[in-house]
Amino acid sequence: MITMKRNAAVSQLNSQDFLMLALDDTMPSLGIVLTFRFKEPHSVSEMREAMRYMFTVYPRLRSVVEPTLFSYRLRILNDHDQELEVLFNEAFRVKYGLRCDSEEYIDYRRALLNEPFSLQCGLPLKIRYLPDDPQPMLLLSLHHMAGDGMSWLHLMDSLLRYLNNDKPPQLPLDDPNMLPALVKRPHFTLPAQIRRSFQLFKEDIRKAEGLKMIPASSRPADFFSPAEARMHILPFDIDRIMAKCKELNVGVNILLLSALALAVSRGPGRDQGDVIGIAIPTDLRPYYDKPPIFGNFVSTFWVRIHRRNWSNPKAMLNEVKTQMYARINRYKNKEMIAQFLIEKLSTLAGKKLYSLGARIAKRKGLLPMTCSYSAIGNIDSINSYGSRARICEAMCMFPHFAIIMITINLEGKIFAGLSYPEAEFTRDEINAFIQSYNQALAELLEL
């Protein structure tokens, strides 16, 4: 819900916003860190002006968390507010003399990945510009409470438009309500929808009873660790991957997800459980009559691959395909409201109790997850606005309590950002995991 207060907009938090805000007390940071490498040089003043205009286009970037009597809400600063100018000056920083292929850059990126936010007295977006490389780098850390992966894709698209002298229009503040994506019409059928959704939810629980998820690490941590990330360009071009997907009658994401499962099945945690559990964030925008643009409109489902299929790549691919289609169909059929209601109920505990519960659950091993996979998809369109500003490299990272792989397709290449908790993996172990992933993908391409 969006209201007006003292000539400023006030936006309520949806359940995902609240959970991200609560988890901010448990993890070093919850910023989705995006890195973009430009083909052409851009001055600091040019980039600063362009990024400042993004706060004009997207009102949610101008948000500050404001406590209420029992919860929190977002206060949206006016675009001409002096407070916004001060906070933007703090958010936009320039790092001179840093080359994008150096160890110093990796350390700088890691520091941003783990840098905490101060959402009650700061903006939800941090901007770091590295202008001295021949192909300069822009790093953006967007707090997950303020926006999801599709939000930053809209942001980057608008930025490239602006840098190519195509000024995007200012957008209204999106209603954060997620119910329109989860409830079908007519609304008098809601009780039947809820009953059906809870039946499916209980069936999923029953199927998972007695099964233990394996970890991807040989030493799972009982605390929330700082994160590190690695960018990996897949050694196979998108045309070859798409040709094989067409032959196998699967989507690209299903193939890449299956390779991830296959690599994990051969990892050090394979003998510590019965199933591989992969969390899949999914964008709810396609299920709105009028899709929102900027905000946190993500739901998560699970794909579980049983041990009986670990030694059979074709069977593993089929199991992933079956489960992915089944879960996506539940969203299409509006059968996922049970999960939303449970998440909504959990917000009643309040921010402090929820974050305390998360820490206790992590300590007691009650947050099992093998890994997570998210796909941004093809972003070639952001290079379609002209030759003054184009990108040649893109990576997305997110600090997580397990390995999370986020893929982006750009100009025939697939860039994979692998974020991982430092307490559970060394750089050498992640390098070995990447080699295992490459081998797994090669095997699937030979099916």
Protein backbone atom coordinates (compact mmCIF):
# COMPACT_ATOMS: atom_id res chain seq x y z
CA MET A 1 0.00 0.00 0.00
CA ILE A 2 1.21 3.52 -0.84
CA THR A 3 0.07 6.57 1.14
CA MET A 4 1.08 10.21 1.45
CA LYS A 5 2.63 11.71 4.56
CA ARG A 6 3.72 15.35 4.80
CA ASN A 7 3.87 15.59 1.01
CA ALA A 8 6.07 12.47 0.81
CA ALA A 9 5.09 8.97 -0.27
CA VAL A 10 5.08 6.19 2.31
CA SER A 11 5.17 2.58 1.18
CA GLN A 12 4.38 -0.44 3.33
CA LEU A 13 6.63 -3.50 3.26
CA ASN A 14 5.44 -6.75 1.71
CA SER A 15 6.39 -10.03 3.38
CA GLN A 16 9.55 -10.46 1.30
CA ASP A 17 10.65 -6.89 2.10
CA PHE A 18 10.19 -7.57 5.80
CA LEU A 19 12.07 -10.86 5.75
CA MET A 20 15.00 -9.23 3.95
CA LEU A 21 14.97 -6.40 6.49
CA ALA A 22 14.93 -8.90 9.38
CA LEU A 23 17.74 -11.00 7.92
CA ASP A 24 19.80 -7.82 7.69
CA ASP A 25 20.44 -8.35 11.42
CA THR A 26 21.87 -11.83 10.86
CA MET A 27 24.12 -11.60 7.80
CA PRO A 28 26.99 -9.18 7.11
CA SER A 29 25.04 -7.73 4.17
CA LEU A 30 22.02 -8.42 1.99
CA GLY A 31 23.11 -6.40 -1.01
CA ILE A 32 22.73 -7.78 -4.51
CA VAL A 33 26.06 -6.68 -5.97
CA LEU A 34 26.09 -6.08 -9.70
CA THR A 35 29.21 -5.42 -11.73
CA PHE A 36 29.14 -3.97 -15.25
CA ARG A 37 32.14 -3.39 -17.46
CA PHE A 38 31.73 -0.77 -20.16
CA LYS A 39 33.19 -1.03 -23.64
CA GLU A 40 33.81 2.71 -23.74
CA PRO A 41 35.33 5.10 -21.15
CA HIS A 42 32.97 7.38 -19.24
CA SER A 43 33.94 10.31 -17.06
CA VAL A 44 33.12 10.46 -13.37
CA SER A 45 30.82 13.42 -13.89
CA GLU A 46 28.96 11.62 -16.68
CA MET A 47 28.42 8.51 -14.55
CA ARG A 48 27.47 10.52 -11.50
CA GLU A 49 24.84 12.49 -13.43
CA ALA A 50 23.43 9.29 -14.95
CA MET A 51 23.21 7.48 -11.62
CA ARG A 52 21.62 10.49 -9.94
CA TYR A 53 18.91 10.46 -12.58
CA MET A 54 18.17 6.80 -11.76
CA PHE A 55 16.95 7.98 -8.36
CA THR A 56 14.56 10.26 -10.22
CA VAL A 57 13.27 7.41 -12.40
CA TYR A 58 12.83 4.85 -9.59
CA PRO A 59 11.25 6.30 -6.41
CA ARG A 60 12.04 3.18 -4.36
CA LEU A 61 15.75 4.00 -4.62
CA ARG A 62 14.95 7.15 -2.63
CA SER A 63 13.55 5.14 0.26
CA VAL A 64 14.60 5.27 3.90
CA VAL A 65 13.35 2.69 6.41
CA GLU A 66 11.09 4.27 9.02
CA PRO A 67 9.97 2.44 12.20
CA THR A 68 6.29 2.38 13.07
CA LEU A 69 4.68 1.40 16.35
CA PHE A 70 4.79 -2.32 15.56
CA SER A 71 6.76 -2.67 12.34
CA TYR A 72 8.50 -0.68 9.57
CA ARG A 73 7.66 1.14 6.37
CA LEU A 74 9.51 3.01 3.63
CA ARG A 75 9.59 6.81 3.52
CA ILE A 76 10.17 7.90 -0.07
CA LEU A 77 12.22 11.08 -0.22
CA ASN A 78 11.17 13.82 -2.61
CA ASP A 79 13.44 13.97 -5.65
CA HIS A 80 14.40 17.57 -4.80
CA ASP A 81 14.86 16.95 -1.08
CA GLN A 82 18.15 18.20 0.38
CA GLU A 83 18.35 14.99 2.45
CA LEU A 84 18.41 12.96 -0.76
CA GLU A 85 21.33 14.98 -2.13
CA VAL A 86 23.34 14.40 1.04
CA LEU A 87 22.59 10.67 1.04
CA PHE A 88 23.36 10.33 -2.68
CA ASN A 89 26.74 11.99 -2.15
CA GLU A 90 27.45 9.30 0.44
CA ALA A 91 26.16 6.49 -1.79
CA PHE A 92 28.19 7.45 -4.88
CA ARG A 93 31.91 6.88 -4.52
CA VAL A 94 34.80 6.75 -6.97
CA LYS A 95 37.80 4.44 -6.67
CA TYR A 96 40.72 5.77 -8.68
CA GLY A 97 43.75 3.82 -9.86
CA LEU A 98 42.17 0.36 -9.67
CA ARG A 99 42.39 -2.05 -12.59
CA CYS A 100 39.53 -4.48 -13.02
CA ASP A 101 41.72 -7.55 -13.50
CA SER A 102 43.78 -7.11 -10.33
CA GLU A 103 43.73 -8.82 -6.93
CA GLU A 104 43.07 -5.40 -5.42
CA TYR A 105 39.85 -5.24 -7.42
CA ILE A 106 38.73 -8.65 -6.13
CA ASP A 107 39.37 -7.52 -2.56
CA TYR A 108 37.49 -4.27 -3.23
CA ARG A 109 34.53 -6.18 -4.66
CA ARG A 110 34.51 -8.57 -1.69
CA ALA A 111 34.45 -5.64 0.73
CA LEU A 112 31.39 -4.20 -1.01
CA LEU A 113 29.69 -7.60 -1.03
CA ASN A 114 29.97 -7.72 2.77
CA GLU A 115 29.50 -4.02 3.55
CA PRO A 116 26.43 -3.54 5.78
CA PHE A 117 23.66 -1.08 5.06
CA SER A 118 22.21 1.53 7.38
CA LEU A 119 18.72 1.64 5.99
CA GLN A 120 17.24 4.04 8.55
CA CYS A 121 19.76 6.77 7.70
CA GLY A 122 21.02 5.77 4.27
CA LEU A 123 19.83 4.79 0.80
CA PRO A 124 19.34 1.15 -0.32
CA LEU A 125 21.74 1.53 -3.27
CA LYS A 126 25.53 1.90 -3.09
CA ILE A 127 27.44 2.98 -6.19
CA ARG A 128 31.14 2.41 -6.76
CA TYR A 129 32.72 3.63 -10.00
CA LEU A 130 36.19 2.56 -11.20
CA PRO A 131 37.04 4.99 -14.03
CA ASP A 132 40.76 4.32 -14.60
CA ASP A 133 40.50 0.99 -16.40
CA PRO A 134 40.33 1.26 -20.24
CA GLN A 135 36.99 -0.53 -19.84
CA PRO A 136 35.67 1.05 -16.63
CA MET A 137 33.64 -0.88 -14.09
CA LEU A 138 30.48 0.10 -12.26
CA LEU A 139 29.56 -1.77 -9.07
CA LEU A 140 26.06 -1.43 -7.63
CA SER A 141 24.98 -2.92 -4.31
CA LEU A 142 21.18 -2.94 -4.08
CA HIS A 143 19.68 -4.07 -0.80
CA HIS A 144 17.36 -7.01 -1.45
CA MET A 145 14.61 -5.32 0.55
CA ALA A 146 14.49 -2.50 -2.00
CA GLY A 147 14.67 -4.56 -5.17
CA ASP A 148 15.26 -7.98 -6.70
CA GLY A 149 17.20 -9.16 -9.75
CA MET A 150 14.62 -7.90 -12.23
CA SER A 151 14.66 -4.50 -10.52
CA TRP A 152 18.35 -4.02 -11.19
CA LEU A 153 17.86 -5.21 -14.77
CA HIS A 154 15.34 -2.38 -15.24
CA LEU A 155 17.80 -0.05 -13.52
CA MET A 156 20.67 -1.01 -15.80
CA ASP A 157 18.47 -0.74 -18.88
CA SER A 158 17.50 2.81 -17.88
CA LEU A 159 21.12 3.70 -17.15
CA LEU A 160 22.26 2.60 -20.62
CA ARG A 161 19.39 4.55 -22.18
CA TYR A 162 20.43 7.69 -20.32
CA LEU A 163 24.11 7.32 -21.23
CA ASN A 164 23.04 7.02 -24.87
CA ASN A 165 21.08 10.31 -24.66
CA ASP A 166 17.70 8.58 -24.49
CA LYS A 167 16.28 9.91 -21.23
CA PRO A 168 13.84 7.42 -19.67
CA PRO A 169 10.67 8.79 -18.05
CA GLN A 170 10.12 8.92 -14.32
CA LEU A 171 8.09 5.95 -13.10
CA PRO A 172 5.45 5.84 -10.37
CA LEU A 173 6.06 4.01 -7.11
CA ASP A 174 4.91 0.41 -7.48
CA ASP A 175 2.43 -1.05 -5.05
CA PRO A 176 4.40 -3.72 -3.10
CA ASN A 177 1.35 -5.99 -2.73
CA MET A 178 2.13 -9.54 -3.90
CA LEU A 179 -1.40 -10.93 -3.63
CA PRO A 180 -2.46 -10.01 -7.20
CA ALA A 181 0.15 -12.48 -8.49
CA LEU A 182 -1.06 -15.25 -6.18
CA VAL A 183 -4.85 -14.97 -6.13
CA LYS A 184 -7.09 -15.77 -9.08
CA ARG A 185 -10.40 -14.18 -9.90
CA PRO A 186 -13.23 -14.25 -9.02
CA HIS A 187 -12.15 -13.59 -5.44
CA PHE A 188 -15.00 -15.60 -3.90
CA THR A 189 -13.04 -18.71 -4.90
CA LEU A 190 -10.25 -17.72 -2.48
CA PRO A 191 -11.16 -20.29 0.22
CA ALA A 192 -10.92 -23.08 -2.35
CA GLN A 193 -7.61 -21.69 -3.60
CA ILE A 194 -6.17 -21.62 -0.08
CA ARG A 195 -7.38 -25.15 0.62
CA ARG A 196 -5.85 -26.49 -2.61
CA SER A 197 -2.56 -24.67 -1.97
CA PHE A 198 -2.25 -26.03 1.57
CA GLN A 199 -2.97 -29.54 0.31
CA LEU A 200 -0.07 -29.27 -2.13
CA PHE A 201 2.14 -27.73 0.55
CA LYS A 202 1.45 -30.59 2.96
CA GLU A 203 2.07 -33.10 0.15
CA ASP A 204 5.51 -31.56 -0.46
CA ILE A 205 6.31 -31.85 3.25
CA ARG A 206 5.20 -35.48 3.30
CA LYS A 207 7.40 -36.33 0.32
CA ALA A 208 10.42 -34.73 2.01
CA GLU A 209 9.92 -36.51 5.36
CA GLY A 210 12.91 -38.58 6.40
CA LEU A 211 15.12 -37.19 3.63
CA LYS A 212 18.24 -35.20 4.45
CA MET A 213 19.65 -32.56 2.12
CA ILE A 214 23.34 -32.82 1.45
CA PRO A 215 25.55 -29.75 1.89
CA ALA A 216 27.82 -28.62 -0.92
CA SER A 217 30.65 -28.16 1.59
CA SER A 218 32.59 -30.70 3.64
CA ARG A 219 32.33 -28.40 6.68
CA PRO A 220 28.92 -26.71 6.93
CA ALA A 221 29.07 -23.71 9.28
CA ASP A 222 26.62 -23.13 12.12
CA PHE A 223 26.76 -19.34 11.72
CA PHE A 224 26.18 -16.77 8.97
CA SER A 225 29.54 -16.16 7.36
CA PRO A 226 30.97 -13.31 5.28
CA ALA A 227 30.76 -14.07 1.57
CA GLU A 228 33.11 -14.12 -1.38
CA ALA A 229 32.29 -14.40 -5.08
CA ARG A 230 33.84 -15.58 -8.30
CA MET A 231 32.90 -14.75 -11.88
CA HIS A 232 32.98 -17.64 -14.31
CA ILE A 233 32.35 -17.45 -18.06
CA LEU A 234 30.95 -20.77 -19.21
CA PRO A 235 33.28 -22.46 -21.74
CA PHE A 236 30.39 -23.16 -24.15
CA ASP A 237 28.70 -20.45 -26.20
CA ILE A 238 24.98 -19.87 -25.96
CA ASP A 239 24.27 -21.17 -29.49
CA ARG A 240 25.63 -24.63 -28.67
CA ILE A 241 23.75 -24.73 -25.38
CA MET A 242 20.47 -23.65 -26.99
CA ALA A 243 20.86 -26.20 -29.78
CA LYS A 244 21.26 -28.99 -27.23
CA CYS A 245 18.32 -27.69 -25.21
CA LYS A 246 16.15 -27.80 -28.33
CA GLU A 247 17.30 -31.36 -29.01
CA LEU A 248 16.54 -32.43 -25.42
CA ASN A 249 13.31 -30.38 -25.25
CA VAL A 250 14.36 -28.47 -22.13
CA GLY A 251 14.95 -24.82 -21.31
CA VAL A 252 18.43 -23.34 -20.91
CA ASN A 253 17.91 -22.81 -17.20
CA ILE A 254 16.95 -26.45 -16.72
CA LEU A 255 20.16 -27.57 -18.42
CA LEU A 256 22.35 -25.19 -16.39
CA LEU A 257 20.55 -26.15 -13.18
CA SER A 258 21.02 -29.85 -13.94
CA ALA A 259 24.75 -29.28 -14.41
CA LEU A 260 24.84 -27.58 -11.03
CA ALA A 261 23.10 -30.55 -9.41
CA LEU A 262 25.43 -32.99 -11.14
CA ALA A 263 28.50 -31.11 -9.91
CA VAL A 264 27.19 -30.99 -6.35
CA SER A 265 26.39 -34.73 -6.42
CA ARG A 266 30.10 -35.37 -6.91
CA GLY A 267 31.20 -32.95 -4.20
CA PRO A 268 32.49 -33.47 -0.66
CA GLY A 269 29.02 -33.45 0.91
CA ARG A 270 27.55 -36.25 -1.22
CA ASP A 271 27.60 -38.83 1.60
CA GLN A 272 25.93 -36.58 4.17
CA GLY A 273 22.34 -36.96 2.98
CA ASP A 274 19.80 -38.36 0.54
CA VAL A 275 18.79 -35.47 -1.72
CA ILE A 276 20.23 -32.40 -3.36
CA GLY A 277 18.10 -29.40 -2.38
CA ILE A 278 18.32 -26.38 -4.68
CA ALA A 279 16.41 -23.19 -3.91
CA ILE A 280 15.07 -21.40 -6.99
CA PRO A 281 14.01 -17.73 -6.70
CA THR A 282 11.27 -16.96 -9.21
CA ASP A 283 9.95 -13.64 -10.46
CA LEU A 284 6.24 -13.11 -9.78
CA ARG A 285 5.78 -10.25 -12.26
CA PRO A 286 4.52 -12.50 -15.12
CA TYR A 287 1.55 -13.49 -12.93
CA TYR A 288 0.22 -9.94 -12.41
CA ASP A 289 -2.45 -8.48 -14.68
CA LYS A 290 -0.39 -5.26 -14.61
CA PRO A 291 3.17 -6.23 -13.68
CA PRO A 292 5.06 -3.97 -11.26
CA ILE A 293 8.54 -2.82 -12.25
CA PHE A 294 10.75 -2.01 -9.29
CA GLY A 295 10.59 -3.75 -5.95
CA ASN A 296 10.91 -7.15 -4.32
CA PHE A 297 8.51 -9.48 -6.12
CA VAL A 298 10.25 -12.83 -5.67
CA SER A 299 9.08 -16.17 -4.38
CA THR A 300 11.22 -19.27 -3.86
CA PHE A 301 10.57 -22.93 -4.53
CA TRP A 302 12.68 -26.06 -4.16
CA VAL A 303 13.97 -28.64 -6.58
CA ARG A 304 15.04 -31.89 -4.91
CA ILE A 305 17.12 -34.47 -6.78
CA HIS A 306 17.18 -37.93 -5.20
CA ARG A 307 20.30 -40.02 -4.82
CA ARG A 308 18.99 -42.71 -7.15
CA ASN A 309 19.51 -40.31 -10.08
CA TRP A 310 22.92 -38.90 -9.18
CA SER A 311 24.86 -41.33 -11.32
CA ASN A 312 22.56 -40.91 -14.33
CA PRO A 313 22.81 -37.43 -15.96
CA LYS A 314 19.82 -38.07 -18.23
CA ALA A 315 17.63 -39.15 -15.33
CA MET A 316 18.79 -36.15 -13.30
CA LEU A 317 17.91 -33.82 -16.17
CA ASN A 318 14.44 -35.33 -16.45
CA GLU A 319 13.85 -35.04 -12.69
CA VAL A 320 14.87 -31.37 -12.72
CA LYS A 321 12.64 -30.71 -15.76
CA THR A 322 9.62 -32.42 -14.19
CA GLN A 323 9.92 -30.53 -10.91
CA MET A 324 10.62 -27.16 -12.53
CA TYR A 325 7.58 -27.39 -14.77
CA ALA A 326 5.39 -28.60 -11.90
CA ARG A 327 6.41 -25.69 -9.65
CA ILE A 328 6.06 -23.07 -12.39
CA ASN A 329 2.60 -24.42 -13.22
CA ARG A 330 1.61 -23.92 -9.59
CA TYR A 331 2.37 -20.23 -9.94
CA LYS A 332 0.46 -20.07 -13.21
CA ASN A 333 -2.50 -21.83 -11.60
CA LYS A 334 -2.38 -19.62 -8.48
CA GLU A 335 -1.60 -22.55 -6.17
CA MET A 336 1.23 -20.99 -4.15
CA ILE A 337 -0.68 -18.80 -1.73
CA ALA A 338 -0.03 -21.15 1.22
CA GLN A 339 3.67 -20.32 1.18
CA PHE A 340 2.84 -16.60 1.05
CA LEU A 341 0.49 -16.85 4.02
CA ILE A 342 3.07 -18.73 6.08
CA GLU A 343 5.71 -16.10 5.28
CA LYS A 344 3.22 -13.36 6.12
CA LEU A 345 2.44 -15.02 9.44
CA SER A 346 6.14 -15.21 10.29
CA THR A 347 6.41 -11.41 10.02
CA LEU A 348 4.16 -11.12 13.07
CA ALA A 349 7.10 -12.25 15.20
CA GLY A 350 8.77 -8.93 14.55
CA LYS A 351 12.20 -8.10 13.21
CA LYS A 352 14.22 -8.93 16.34
CA LEU A 353 12.54 -12.26 17.07
CA TYR A 354 12.69 -13.31 13.42
CA SER A 355 16.41 -12.57 13.15
CA LEU A 356 17.04 -14.31 16.49
CA GLY A 357 15.12 -17.35 15.23
CA ALA A 358 17.18 -17.40 12.04
CA ARG A 359 20.45 -17.39 14.00
CA ILE A 360 19.22 -20.18 16.29
CA ALA A 361 18.01 -22.23 13.32
CA LYS A 362 21.37 -21.83 11.59
CA ARG A 363 23.23 -22.87 14.74
CA LYS A 364 21.08 -25.97 15.14
CA GLY A 365 21.33 -26.97 11.47
CA LEU A 366 17.66 -26.27 10.74
CA LEU A 367 18.30 -24.30 7.54
CA PRO A 368 19.37 -27.07 5.16
CA MET A 369 20.24 -26.08 1.62
CA THR A 370 22.65 -27.58 -0.87
CA CYS A 371 22.80 -24.54 -3.12
CA SER A 372 20.69 -21.98 -4.95
CA TYR A 373 20.30 -21.06 -8.60
CA SER A 374 18.92 -17.90 -10.20
CA ALA A 375 18.84 -16.84 -13.85
CA ILE A 376 18.63 -13.23 -15.00
CA GLY A 377 18.54 -14.38 -18.62
CA ASN A 378 19.53 -12.54 -21.79
CA ILE A 379 20.37 -8.84 -21.37
CA ASP A 380 21.52 -8.02 -24.93
CA SER A 381 18.72 -5.47 -25.18
CA ILE A 382 20.53 -3.04 -22.89
CA ASN A 383 23.18 -2.63 -25.60
CA SER A 384 20.57 -1.61 -28.17
CA TYR A 385 20.35 2.11 -27.34
CA GLY A 386 23.44 3.28 -29.20
CA SER A 387 27.22 3.14 -29.34
CA ARG A 388 28.00 5.81 -26.72
CA ALA A 389 27.57 3.33 -23.87
CA ARG A 390 27.62 -0.47 -24.05
CA ILE A 391 28.65 -3.21 -21.65
CA CYS A 392 30.85 -6.20 -22.39
CA GLU A 393 30.75 -8.00 -19.04
CA ALA A 394 28.15 -8.46 -16.33
CA MET A 395 28.08 -10.34 -13.06
CA CYS A 396 25.57 -10.65 -10.24
CA MET A 397 26.48 -11.71 -6.70
CA PHE A 398 24.48 -12.17 -3.52
CA PRO A 399 25.77 -13.12 -0.06
CA HIS A 400 24.06 -16.35 0.92
CA PHE A 401 24.43 -19.13 3.47
CA ALA A 402 25.11 -21.61 0.66
CA ILE A 403 26.58 -21.48 -2.85
CA ILE A 404 24.35 -19.41 -5.11
CA MET A 405 24.90 -19.33 -8.85
CA ILE A 406 23.37 -16.45 -10.85
CA THR A 407 23.63 -16.54 -14.65
CA ILE A 408 23.47 -13.72 -17.19
CA ASN A 409 23.55 -14.08 -21.01
CA LEU A 410 25.34 -11.31 -22.88
CA GLU A 411 26.56 -11.24 -26.48
CA GLY A 412 26.74 -15.01 -26.86
CA LYS A 413 28.42 -15.65 -23.50
CA ILE A 414 26.98 -16.89 -20.23
CA PHE A 415 28.44 -15.14 -17.18
CA ALA A 416 27.97 -17.05 -13.93
CA GLY A 417 28.43 -15.32 -10.60
CA LEU A 418 29.12 -17.83 -7.84
CA SER A 419 28.77 -16.45 -4.33
CA TYR A 420 29.68 -18.61 -1.35
CA PRO A 421 30.20 -18.38 2.44
CA GLU A 422 33.89 -18.06 3.23
CA ALA A 423 33.52 -20.24 6.33
CA GLU A 424 32.62 -23.22 4.14
CA PHE A 425 34.78 -22.86 1.02
CA THR A 426 38.26 -21.70 0.11
CA ARG A 427 39.06 -20.12 -3.24
CA ASP A 428 40.81 -23.33 -4.30
CA GLU A 429 37.71 -25.36 -3.43
CA ILE A 430 35.50 -23.01 -5.46
CA ASN A 431 37.92 -23.29 -8.39
CA ALA A 432 37.64 -27.09 -8.15
CA PHE A 433 33.84 -26.78 -8.00
CA ILE A 434 33.84 -24.65 -11.14
CA GLN A 435 35.92 -27.25 -12.97
CA SER A 436 33.46 -29.92 -11.82
CA TYR A 437 30.58 -27.78 -13.11
CA ASN A 438 32.27 -27.39 -16.50
CA GLN A 439 32.70 -31.16 -16.71
CA ALA A 440 29.08 -31.77 -15.72
CA LEU A 441 27.82 -29.33 -18.35
CA ALA A 442 30.04 -30.95 -20.99
CA GLU A 443 28.52 -34.34 -20.17
CA LEU A 444 24.99 -32.99 -20.52
CA LEU A 445 25.90 -31.44 -23.87
CA GLU A 446 27.00 -34.87 -25.07
CA LEU A 447 23.70 -36.59 -24.22
